[in-house]
Amino acid sequence: MNEKPVSFILLISKGILRDRSMRRRALFWIVAGALFLLGAGVMLLDEWLSTHPVIFLLYWGACLWLTVSSMLLAFYDMLLIRQEAREERRKSRFMGNDT
């Protein structure tokens, strides 16, 4: 098995998760993609998708995957923000006790 593509994907994922601006940019594009798929599926492709059941399942499965991914990424971002706030409170308490 070729490990280069897997390690490349892991490096990209780590980079996105560790950098706040990249994480939020990725979150924006994932939500935008999910909203686009939702709107296109409901307004434009409704009749066509209803006649092709396999494509229907794949299409809405992709929309579900994007939605769940955005929820998990938002939850991860929220946890990191809480951790940073907790560390800042500890620093301010520690600095306040020294003075």
PDB file of N, CA and C in Angstrom:
ATOM      1  N   MET A   1       0.845  -1.184   0.000  1.00  0.00           N
ATOM      2  CA  MET A   1       0.000   0.000   0.000  1.00  0.00           C
ATOM      3  C   MET A   1       0.886   1.241   0.000  1.00  0.00           C
ATOM      4  N   ASN A   2       0.492   2.211  -0.781  1.00  0.00           N
ATOM      5  CA  ASN A   2       1.254   3.449  -0.879  1.00  0.00           C
ATOM      6  C   ASN A   2       0.862   4.382   0.255  1.00  0.00           C
ATOM      7  N   GLU A   3       1.809   4.714   1.116  1.00  0.00           N
ATOM      8  CA  GLU A   3       1.505   5.517   2.303  1.00  0.00           C
ATOM      9  C   GLU A   3       1.643   7.011   2.064  1.00  0.00           C
ATOM     10  N   LYS A   4       2.189   7.435   0.927  1.00  0.00           N
ATOM     11  CA  LYS A   4       2.383   8.858   0.679  1.00  0.00           C
ATOM     12  C   LYS A   4       1.065   9.640   0.630  1.00  0.00           C
ATOM     13  N   PRO A   5       0.036   9.186  -0.108  1.00  0.00           N
ATOM     14  CA  PRO A   5      -1.213   9.958  -0.101  1.00  0.00           C
ATOM     15  C   PRO A   5      -1.851  10.035   1.283  1.00  0.00           C
ATOM     16  N   VAL A   6      -1.769   8.954   2.046  1.00  0.00           N
ATOM     17  CA  VAL A   6      -2.365   8.947   3.380  1.00  0.00           C
ATOM     18  C   VAL A   6      -1.647   9.932   4.291  1.00  0.00           C
ATOM     19  N   SER A   7      -0.328   9.929   4.259  1.00  0.00           N
ATOM     20  CA  SER A   7       0.413  10.847   5.122  1.00  0.00           C
ATOM     21  C   SER A   7       0.201  12.294   4.681  1.00  0.00           C
ATOM     22  N   PHE A   8       0.057  12.527   3.373  1.00  0.00           N
ATOM     23  CA  PHE A   8      -0.207  13.866   2.881  1.00  0.00           C
ATOM     24  C   PHE A   8      -1.561  14.370   3.371  1.00  0.00           C
ATOM     25  N   ILE A   9      -2.568  13.510   3.316  1.00  0.00           N
ATOM     26  CA  ILE A   9      -3.900  13.879   3.791  1.00  0.00           C
ATOM     27  C   ILE A   9      -3.876  14.148   5.298  1.00  0.00           C
ATOM     28  N   LEU A  10      -3.144  13.348   6.048  1.00  0.00           N
ATOM     29  CA  LEU A  10      -3.032  13.573   7.494  1.00  0.00           C
ATOM     30  C   LEU A  10      -2.337  14.892   7.803  1.00  0.00           C
ATOM     31  N   LEU A  11      -1.299  15.228   7.050  1.00  0.00           N
ATOM     32  CA  LEU A  11      -0.615  16.504   7.259  1.00  0.00           C
ATOM     33  C   LEU A  11      -1.529  17.687   6.960  1.00  0.00           C
ATOM     34  N   ILE A  12      -2.287  17.596   5.894  1.00  0.00           N
ATOM     35  CA  ILE A  12      -3.231  18.674   5.564  1.00  0.00           C
ATOM     36  C   ILE A  12      -4.277  18.793   6.664  1.00  0.00           C
ATOM     37  N   SER A  13      -4.802  17.669   7.125  1.00  0.00           N
ATOM     38  CA  SER A  13      -5.823  17.692   8.178  1.00  0.00           C
ATOM     39  C   SER A  13      -5.284  18.299   9.466  1.00  0.00           C
ATOM     40  N   LYS A  14      -4.070  17.933   9.841  1.00  0.00           N
ATOM     41  CA  LYS A  14      -3.467  18.510  11.043  1.00  0.00           C
ATOM     42  C   LYS A  14      -3.279  20.006  10.897  1.00  0.00           C
ATOM     43  N   GLY A  15      -2.856  20.438   9.713  1.00  0.00           N
ATOM     44  CA  GLY A  15      -2.670  21.863   9.472  1.00  0.00           C
ATOM     45  C   GLY A  15      -3.963  22.632   9.587  1.00  0.00           C
ATOM     46  N   ILE A  16      -5.045  22.084   9.054  1.00  0.00           N
ATOM     47  CA  ILE A  16      -6.345  22.755   9.131  1.00  0.00           C
ATOM     48  C   ILE A  16      -6.842  22.793  10.567  1.00  0.00           C
ATOM     49  N   LEU A  17      -6.683  21.698  11.301  1.00  0.00           N
ATOM     50  CA  LEU A  17      -7.199  21.655  12.663  1.00  0.00           C
ATOM     51  C   LEU A  17      -6.397  22.519  13.630  1.00  0.00           C
ATOM     52  N   ARG A  18      -5.117  22.700  13.391  1.00  0.00           N
ATOM     53  CA  ARG A  18      -4.286  23.451  14.334  1.00  0.00           C
ATOM     54  C   ARG A  18      -4.320  24.957  14.117  1.00  0.00           C
ATOM     55  N   ASP A  19      -4.605  25.416  12.906  1.00  0.00           N
ATOM     56  CA  ASP A  19      -4.619  26.841  12.611  1.00  0.00           C
ATOM     57  C   ASP A  19      -6.062  27.352  12.660  1.00  0.00           C
ATOM     58  N   ARG A  20      -6.304  28.331  13.525  1.00  0.00           N
ATOM     59  CA  ARG A  20      -7.670  28.813  13.728  1.00  0.00           C
ATOM     60  C   ARG A  20      -8.269  29.402  12.460  1.00  0.00           C
ATOM     61  N   SER A  21      -7.525  30.207  11.739  1.00  0.00           N
ATOM     62  CA  SER A  21      -8.088  30.832  10.536  1.00  0.00           C
ATOM     63  C   SER A  21      -8.368  29.791   9.454  1.00  0.00           C
ATOM     64  N   MET A  22      -7.493  28.820   9.303  1.00  0.00           N
ATOM     65  CA  MET A  22      -7.745  27.760   8.321  1.00  0.00           C
ATOM     66  C   MET A  22      -8.938  26.900   8.731  1.00  0.00           C
ATOM     67  N   ARG A  23      -9.051  26.637  10.016  1.00  0.00           N
ATOM     68  CA  ARG A  23     -10.170  25.839  10.521  1.00  0.00           C
ATOM     69  C   ARG A  23     -11.491  26.546  10.247  1.00  0.00           C
ATOM     70  N   ARG A  24     -11.523  27.839  10.489  1.00  0.00           N
ATOM     71  CA  ARG A  24     -12.766  28.582  10.277  1.00  0.00           C
ATOM     72  C   ARG A  24     -13.058  28.776   8.797  1.00  0.00           C
ATOM     73  N   ARG A  25     -12.016  28.919   7.991  1.00  0.00           N
ATOM     74  CA  ARG A  25     -12.218  29.014   6.546  1.00  0.00           C
ATOM     75  C   ARG A  25     -12.775  27.688   6.016  1.00  0.00           C
ATOM     76  N   ALA A  26     -12.231  26.579   6.483  1.00  0.00           N
ATOM     77  CA  ALA A  26     -12.738  25.266   6.070  1.00  0.00           C
ATOM     78  C   ALA A  26     -14.179  25.083   6.531  1.00  0.00           C
ATOM     79  N   LEU A  27     -14.474  25.524   7.738  1.00  0.00           N
ATOM     80  CA  LEU A  27     -15.840  25.430   8.250  1.00  0.00           C
ATOM     81  C   LEU A  27     -16.802  26.242   7.389  1.00  0.00           C
ATOM     82  N   PHE A  28     -16.381  27.442   6.988  1.00  0.00           N
ATOM     83  CA  PHE A  28     -17.222  28.274   6.124  1.00  0.00           C
ATOM     84  C   PHE A  28     -17.516  27.566   4.809  1.00  0.00           C
ATOM     85  N   TRP A  29     -16.487  27.014   4.173  1.00  0.00           N
ATOM     86  CA  TRP A  29     -16.688  26.381   2.879  1.00  0.00           C
ATOM     87  C   TRP A  29     -17.490  25.095   2.991  1.00  0.00           C
ATOM     88  N   ILE A  30     -17.352  24.373   4.078  1.00  0.00           N
ATOM     89  CA  ILE A  30     -18.158  23.157   4.263  1.00  0.00           C
ATOM     90  C   ILE A  30     -19.629  23.519   4.431  1.00  0.00           C
ATOM     91  N   VAL A  31     -19.908  24.539   5.241  1.00  0.00           N
ATOM     92  CA  VAL A  31     -21.299  24.972   5.430  1.00  0.00           C
ATOM     93  C   VAL A  31     -21.869  25.524   4.127  1.00  0.00           C
ATOM     94  N   ALA A  32     -21.065  26.308   3.398  1.00  0.00           N
ATOM     95  CA  ALA A  32     -21.531  26.846   2.112  1.00  0.00           C
ATOM     96  C   ALA A  32     -21.841  25.717   1.130  1.00  0.00           C
ATOM     97  N   GLY A  33     -20.990  24.701   1.101  1.00  0.00           N
ATOM     98  CA  GLY A  33     -21.240  23.562   0.223  1.00  0.00           C
ATOM     99  C   GLY A  33     -22.501  22.805   0.595  1.00  0.00           C
ATOM    100  N   ALA A  34     -22.708  22.617   1.894  1.00  0.00           N
ATOM    101  CA  ALA A  34     -23.917  21.916   2.344  1.00  0.00           C
ATOM    102  C   ALA A  34     -25.170  22.722   2.001  1.00  0.00           C
ATOM    103  N   LEU A  35     -25.114  24.038   2.202  1.00  0.00           N
ATOM    104  CA  LEU A  35     -26.269  24.875   1.862  1.00  0.00           C
ATOM    105  C   LEU A  35     -26.530  24.892   0.365  1.00  0.00           C
ATOM    106  N   PHE A  36     -25.459  24.917  -0.429  1.00  0.00           N
ATOM    107  CA  PHE A  36     -25.619  24.866  -1.883  1.00  0.00           C
ATOM    108  C   PHE A  36     -26.268  23.552  -2.305  1.00  0.00           C
ATOM    109  N   LEU A  37     -25.777  22.433  -1.766  1.00  0.00           N
ATOM    110  CA  LEU A  37     -26.370  21.139  -2.110  1.00  0.00           C
ATOM    111  C   LEU A  37     -27.826  21.058  -1.664  1.00  0.00           C
ATOM    112  N   LEU A  38     -28.117  21.594  -0.498  1.00  0.00           N
ATOM    113  CA  LEU A  38     -29.496  21.590  -0.011  1.00  0.00           C
ATOM    114  C   LEU A  38     -30.401  22.384  -0.938  1.00  0.00           C
ATOM    115  N   GLY A  39     -29.977  23.607  -1.278  1.00  0.00           N
ATOM    116  CA  GLY A  39     -30.795  24.440  -2.161  1.00  0.00           C
ATOM    117  C   GLY A  39     -30.953  23.839  -3.541  1.00  0.00           C
ATOM    118  N   ALA A  40     -29.876  23.329  -4.114  1.00  0.00           N
ATOM    119  CA  ALA A  40     -29.952  22.732  -5.448  1.00  0.00           C
ATOM    120  C   ALA A  40     -30.807  21.472  -5.432  1.00  0.00           C
ATOM    121  N   GLY A  41     -30.694  20.690  -4.374  1.00  0.00           N
ATOM    122  CA  GLY A  41     -31.466  19.456  -4.298  1.00  0.00           C
ATOM    123  C   GLY A  41     -32.948  19.698  -4.129  1.00  0.00           C
ATOM    124  N   VAL A  42     -33.300  20.741  -3.412  1.00  0.00           N
ATOM    125  CA  VAL A  42     -34.718  21.025  -3.168  1.00  0.00           C
ATOM    126  C   VAL A  42     -35.347  21.775  -4.342  1.00  0.00           C
ATOM    127  N   MET A  43     -34.620  22.748  -4.903  1.00  0.00           N
ATOM    128  CA  MET A  43     -35.224  23.604  -5.924  1.00  0.00           C
ATOM    129  C   MET A  43     -34.966  23.146  -7.361  1.00  0.00           C
ATOM    130  N   LEU A  44     -33.766  22.693  -7.647  1.00  0.00           N
ATOM    131  CA  LEU A  44     -33.415  22.425  -9.043  1.00  0.00           C
ATOM    132  C   LEU A  44     -33.471  20.950  -9.420  1.00  0.00           C
ATOM    133  N   LEU A  45     -33.017  20.099  -8.553  1.00  0.00           N
ATOM    134  CA  LEU A  45     -32.839  18.690  -8.902  1.00  0.00           C
ATOM    135  C   LEU A  45     -33.895  17.767  -8.306  1.00  0.00           C
ATOM    136  N   ASP A  46     -34.948  18.300  -7.765  1.00  0.00           N
ATOM    137  CA  ASP A  46     -35.938  17.497  -7.044  1.00  0.00           C
ATOM    138  C   ASP A  46     -36.544  16.404  -7.922  1.00  0.00           C
ATOM    139  N   GLU A  47     -37.039  16.777  -9.085  1.00  0.00           N
ATOM    140  CA  GLU A  47     -37.689  15.787  -9.953  1.00  0.00           C
ATOM    141  C   GLU A  47     -36.687  14.763 -10.474  1.00  0.00           C
ATOM    142  N   TRP A  48     -35.502  15.230 -10.846  1.00  0.00           N
ATOM    143  CA  TRP A  48     -34.494  14.321 -11.390  1.00  0.00           C
ATOM    144  C   TRP A  48     -34.010  13.343 -10.329  1.00  0.00           C
ATOM    145  N   LEU A  49     -33.801  13.831  -9.111  1.00  0.00           N
ATOM    146  CA  LEU A  49     -33.339  12.948  -8.037  1.00  0.00           C
ATOM    147  C   LEU A  49     -34.408  11.932  -7.639  1.00  0.00           C
ATOM    148  N   SER A  50     -35.677  12.321  -7.731  1.00  0.00           N
ATOM    149  CA  SER A  50     -36.736  11.391  -7.332  1.00  0.00           C
ATOM    150  C   SER A  50     -36.883  10.230  -8.322  1.00  0.00           C
ATOM    151  N   THR A  51     -36.385  10.393  -9.548  1.00  0.00           N
ATOM    152  CA  THR A  51     -36.479   9.294 -10.510  1.00  0.00           C
ATOM    153  C   THR A  51     -35.257   8.374 -10.481  1.00  0.00           C
ATOM    154  N   HIS A  52     -34.193   8.773  -9.787  1.00  0.00           N
ATOM    155  CA  HIS A  52     -32.972   7.968  -9.687  1.00  0.00           C
ATOM    156  C   HIS A  52     -32.672   7.704  -8.206  1.00  0.00           C
ATOM    157  N   PRO A  53     -33.147   6.586  -7.671  1.00  0.00           N
ATOM    158  CA  PRO A  53     -33.014   6.355  -6.226  1.00  0.00           C
ATOM    159  C   PRO A  53     -31.573   6.226  -5.727  1.00  0.00           C
ATOM    160  N   VAL A  54     -30.683   5.629  -6.501  1.00  0.00           N
ATOM    161  CA  VAL A  54     -29.294   5.467  -6.049  1.00  0.00           C
ATOM    162  C   VAL A  54     -28.608   6.827  -5.999  1.00  0.00           C
ATOM    163  N   ILE A  55     -28.798   7.626  -7.044  1.00  0.00           N
ATOM    164  CA  ILE A  55     -28.213   8.968  -7.064  1.00  0.00           C
ATOM    165  C   ILE A  55     -28.840   9.830  -5.975  1.00  0.00           C
ATOM    166  N   PHE A  56     -30.118   9.641  -5.713  1.00  0.00           N
ATOM    167  CA  PHE A  56     -30.805  10.349  -4.629  1.00  0.00           C
ATOM    168  C   PHE A  56     -30.112  10.084  -3.290  1.00  0.00           C
ATOM    169  N   LEU A  57     -29.856   8.801  -3.014  1.00  0.00           N
ATOM    170  CA  LEU A  57     -29.198   8.443  -1.753  1.00  0.00           C
ATOM    171  C   LEU A  57     -27.775   8.972  -1.683  1.00  0.00           C
ATOM    172  N   LEU A  58     -27.035   8.890  -2.771  1.00  0.00           N
ATOM    173  CA  LEU A  58     -25.674   9.413  -2.790  1.00  0.00           C
ATOM    174  C   LEU A  58     -25.652  10.931  -2.606  1.00  0.00           C
ATOM    175  N   TYR A  59     -26.566  11.621  -3.272  1.00  0.00           N
ATOM    176  CA  TYR A  59     -26.626  13.081  -3.204  1.00  0.00           C
ATOM    177  C   TYR A  59     -26.927  13.544  -1.780  1.00  0.00           C
ATOM    178  N   TRP A  60     -27.992  13.000  -1.203  1.00  0.00           N
ATOM    179  CA  TRP A  60     -28.359  13.427   0.145  1.00  0.00           C
ATOM    180  C   TRP A  60     -27.399  12.872   1.191  1.00  0.00           C
ATOM    181  N   GLY A  61     -26.735  11.767   0.888  1.00  0.00           N
ATOM    182  CA  GLY A  61     -25.678  11.275   1.768  1.00  0.00           C
ATOM    183  C   GLY A  61     -24.496  12.233   1.805  1.00  0.00           C
ATOM    184  N   ALA A  62     -24.141  12.790   0.650  1.00  0.00           N
ATOM    185  CA  ALA A  62     -23.069  13.793   0.602  1.00  0.00           C
ATOM    186  C   ALA A  62     -23.472  15.044   1.373  1.00  0.00           C
ATOM    187  N   CYS A  63     -24.718  15.444   1.240  1.00  0.00           N
ATOM    188  CA  CYS A  63     -25.205  16.610   1.987  1.00  0.00           C
ATOM    189  C   CYS A  63     -25.165  16.333   3.496  1.00  0.00           C
ATOM    190  N   LEU A  64     -25.567  15.139   3.893  1.00  0.00           N
ATOM    191  CA  LEU A  64     -25.515  14.754   5.304  1.00  0.00           C
ATOM    192  C   LEU A  64     -24.074  14.713   5.802  1.00  0.00           C
ATOM    193  N   TRP A  65     -23.166  14.172   4.988  1.00  0.00           N
ATOM    194  CA  TRP A  65     -21.751  14.102   5.365  1.00  0.00           C
ATOM    195  C   TRP A  65     -21.177  15.494   5.587  1.00  0.00           C
ATOM    196  N   LEU A  66     -21.483  16.438   4.698  1.00  0.00           N
ATOM    197  CA  LEU A  66     -21.003  17.810   4.872  1.00  0.00           C
ATOM    198  C   LEU A  66     -21.590  18.447   6.128  1.00  0.00           C
ATOM    199  N   THR A  67     -22.859  18.193   6.387  1.00  0.00           N
ATOM    200  CA  THR A  67     -23.508  18.768   7.567  1.00  0.00           C
ATOM    201  C   THR A  67     -22.902  18.216   8.856  1.00  0.00           C
ATOM    202  N   VAL A  68     -22.710  16.917   8.920  1.00  0.00           N
ATOM    203  CA  VAL A  68     -22.115  16.305  10.118  1.00  0.00           C
ATOM    204  C   VAL A  68     -20.669  16.762  10.286  1.00  0.00           C
ATOM    205  N   SER A  69     -19.935  16.871   9.175  1.00  0.00           N
ATOM    206  CA  SER A  69     -18.549  17.360   9.245  1.00  0.00           C
ATOM    207  C   SER A  69     -18.498  18.778   9.788  1.00  0.00           C
ATOM    208  N   SER A  70     -19.409  19.629   9.344  1.00  0.00           N
ATOM    209  CA  SER A  70     -19.412  21.005   9.844  1.00  0.00           C
ATOM    210  C   SER A  70     -19.776  21.057  11.323  1.00  0.00           C
ATOM    211  N   MET A  71     -20.681  20.196  11.758  1.00  0.00           N
ATOM    212  CA  MET A  71     -21.042  20.170  13.178  1.00  0.00           C
ATOM    213  C   MET A  71     -19.865  19.707  14.027  1.00  0.00           C
ATOM    214  N   LEU A  72     -19.159  18.678  13.574  1.00  0.00           N
ATOM    215  CA  LEU A  72     -18.005  18.189  14.326  1.00  0.00           C
ATOM    216  C   LEU A  72     -16.880  19.214  14.358  1.00  0.00           C
ATOM    217  N   LEU A  73     -16.644  19.891  13.242  1.00  0.00           N
ATOM    218  CA  LEU A  73     -15.600  20.901  13.195  1.00  0.00           C
ATOM    219  C   LEU A  73     -15.963  22.095  14.072  1.00  0.00           C
ATOM    220  N   ALA A  74     -17.228  22.477  14.082  1.00  0.00           N
ATOM    221  CA  ALA A  74     -17.670  23.575  14.946  1.00  0.00           C
ATOM    222  C   ALA A  74     -17.547  23.189  16.420  1.00  0.00           C
ATOM    223  N   PHE A  75     -17.884  21.957  16.752  1.00  0.00           N
ATOM    224  CA  PHE A  75     -17.751  21.487  18.123  1.00  0.00           C
ATOM    225  C   PHE A  75     -16.288  21.475  18.557  1.00  0.00           C
ATOM    226  N   TYR A  76     -15.408  21.022  17.680  1.00  0.00           N
ATOM    227  CA  TYR A  76     -13.973  21.020  17.955  1.00  0.00           C
ATOM    228  C   TYR A  76     -13.468  22.452  18.168  1.00  0.00           C
ATOM    229  N   ASP A  77     -13.909  23.375  17.330  1.00  0.00           N
ATOM    230  CA  ASP A  77     -13.518  24.776  17.462  1.00  0.00           C
ATOM    231  C   ASP A  77     -14.007  25.344  18.792  1.00  0.00           C
ATOM    232  N   MET A  78     -15.226  24.998  19.176  1.00  0.00           N
ATOM    233  CA  MET A  78     -15.769  25.463  20.451  1.00  0.00           C
ATOM    234  C   MET A  78     -14.943  24.935  21.623  1.00  0.00           C
ATOM    235  N   LEU A  79     -14.545  23.671  21.566  1.00  0.00           N
ATOM    236  CA  LEU A  79     -13.732  23.110  22.641  1.00  0.00           C
ATOM    237  C   LEU A  79     -12.374  23.802  22.740  1.00  0.00           C
ATOM    238  N   LEU A  80     -11.771  24.106  21.588  1.00  0.00           N
ATOM    239  CA  LEU A  80     -10.493  24.801  21.617  1.00  0.00           C
ATOM    240  C   LEU A  80     -10.620  26.217  22.164  1.00  0.00           C
ATOM    241  N   ILE A  81     -11.699  26.894  21.834  1.00  0.00           N
ATOM    242  CA  ILE A  81     -11.929  28.248  22.359  1.00  0.00           C
ATOM    243  C   ILE A  81     -12.104  28.199  23.874  1.00  0.00           C
ATOM    244  N   ARG A  82     -12.843  27.224  24.363  1.00  0.00           N
ATOM    245  CA  ARG A  82     -13.016  27.092  25.813  1.00  0.00           C
ATOM    246  C   ARG A  82     -11.694  26.794  26.507  1.00  0.00           C
ATOM    247  N   GLN A  83     -10.870  25.945  25.889  1.00  0.00           N
ATOM    248  CA  GLN A  83      -9.565  25.623  26.457  1.00  0.00           C
ATOM    249  C   GLN A  83      -8.675  26.863  26.491  1.00  0.00           C
ATOM    250  N   GLU A  84      -8.670  27.643  25.421  1.00  0.00           N
ATOM    251  CA  GLU A  84      -7.870  28.868  25.397  1.00  0.00           C
ATOM    252  C   GLU A  84      -8.348  29.861  26.445  1.00  0.00           C
ATOM    253  N   ALA A  85      -9.660  29.991  26.618  1.00  0.00           N
ATOM    254  CA  ALA A  85     -10.202  30.903  27.623  1.00  0.00           C
ATOM    255  C   ALA A  85      -9.825  30.447  29.031  1.00  0.00           C
ATOM    256  N   ARG A  86      -9.864  29.145  29.257  1.00  0.00           N
ATOM    257  CA  ARG A  86      -9.482  28.608  30.563  1.00  0.00           C
ATOM    258  C   ARG A  86      -8.012  28.903  30.860  1.00  0.00           C
ATOM    259  N   GLU A  87      -7.156  28.730  29.858  1.00  0.00           N
ATOM    260  CA  GLU A  87      -5.734  29.026  30.041  1.00  0.00           C
ATOM    261  C   GLU A  87      -5.500  30.508  30.292  1.00  0.00           C
ATOM    262  N   GLU A  88      -6.241  31.364  29.616  1.00  0.00           N
ATOM    263  CA  GLU A  88      -6.111  32.808  29.837  1.00  0.00           C
ATOM    264  C   GLU A  88      -6.552  33.188  31.252  1.00  0.00           C
ATOM    265  N   ARG A  89      -7.628  32.556  31.731  1.00  0.00           N
ATOM    266  CA  ARG A  89      -8.065  32.833  33.108  1.00  0.00           C
ATOM    267  C   ARG A  89      -7.012  32.406  34.113  1.00  0.00           C
ATOM    268  N   ARG A  90      -6.390  31.242  33.880  1.00  0.00           N
ATOM    269  CA  ARG A  90      -5.333  30.788  34.783  1.00  0.00           C
ATOM    270  C   ARG A  90      -4.158  31.760  34.769  1.00  0.00           C
ATOM    271  N   LYS A  91      -3.787  32.227  33.605  1.00  0.00           N
ATOM    272  CA  LYS A  91      -2.681  33.185  33.498  1.00  0.00           C
ATOM    273  C   LYS A  91      -3.017  34.480  34.220  1.00  0.00           C
ATOM    274  N   SER A  92      -4.235  34.970  34.037  1.00  0.00           N
ATOM    275  CA  SER A  92      -4.595  36.238  34.680  1.00  0.00           C
ATOM    276  C   SER A  92      -4.677  36.076  36.197  1.00  0.00           C
ATOM    277  N   ARG A  93      -5.129  34.946  36.684  1.00  0.00           N
ATOM    278  CA  ARG A  93      -5.151  34.712  38.143  1.00  0.00           C
ATOM    279  C   ARG A  93      -3.729  34.633  38.687  1.00  0.00           C
ATOM    280  N   PHE A  94      -2.887  33.923  37.949  1.00  0.00           N
ATOM    281  CA  PHE A  94      -1.504  33.778  38.382  1.00  0.00           C
ATOM    282  C   PHE A  94      -0.784  35.134  38.376  1.00  0.00           C
ATOM    283  N   MET A  95      -1.009  35.920  37.361  1.00  0.00           N
ATOM    284  CA  MET A  95      -0.382  37.245  37.271  1.00  0.00           C
ATOM    285  C   MET A  95      -0.968  38.178  38.338  1.00  0.00           C
ATOM    286  N   GLY A  96      -2.233  38.038  38.636  1.00  0.00           N
ATOM    287  CA  GLY A  96      -2.878  38.884  39.643  1.00  0.00           C
ATOM    288  C   GLY A  96      -2.379  38.573  41.045  1.00  0.00           C
ATOM    289  N   ASN A  97      -2.017  37.330  41.342  1.00  0.00           N
ATOM    290  CA  ASN A  97      -1.536  36.956  42.675  1.00  0.00           C
ATOM    291  C   ASN A  97      -0.113  37.423  42.900  1.00  0.00           C
ATOM    292  N   ASP A  98       0.685  37.540  41.843  1.00  0.00           N
ATOM    293  CA  ASP A  98       2.076  37.969  41.989  1.00  0.00           C
ATOM    294  C   ASP A  98       2.199  39.454  42.276  1.00  0.00           C
ATOM    295  N   THR A  99       1.292  40.265  41.811  1.00  0.00           N
ATOM    296  CA  THR A  99       1.431  41.714  41.989  1.00  0.00           C
ATOM    297  C   THR A  99       0.894  42.184  43.293  1.00  0.00           C
TER     298      THR A  99
END
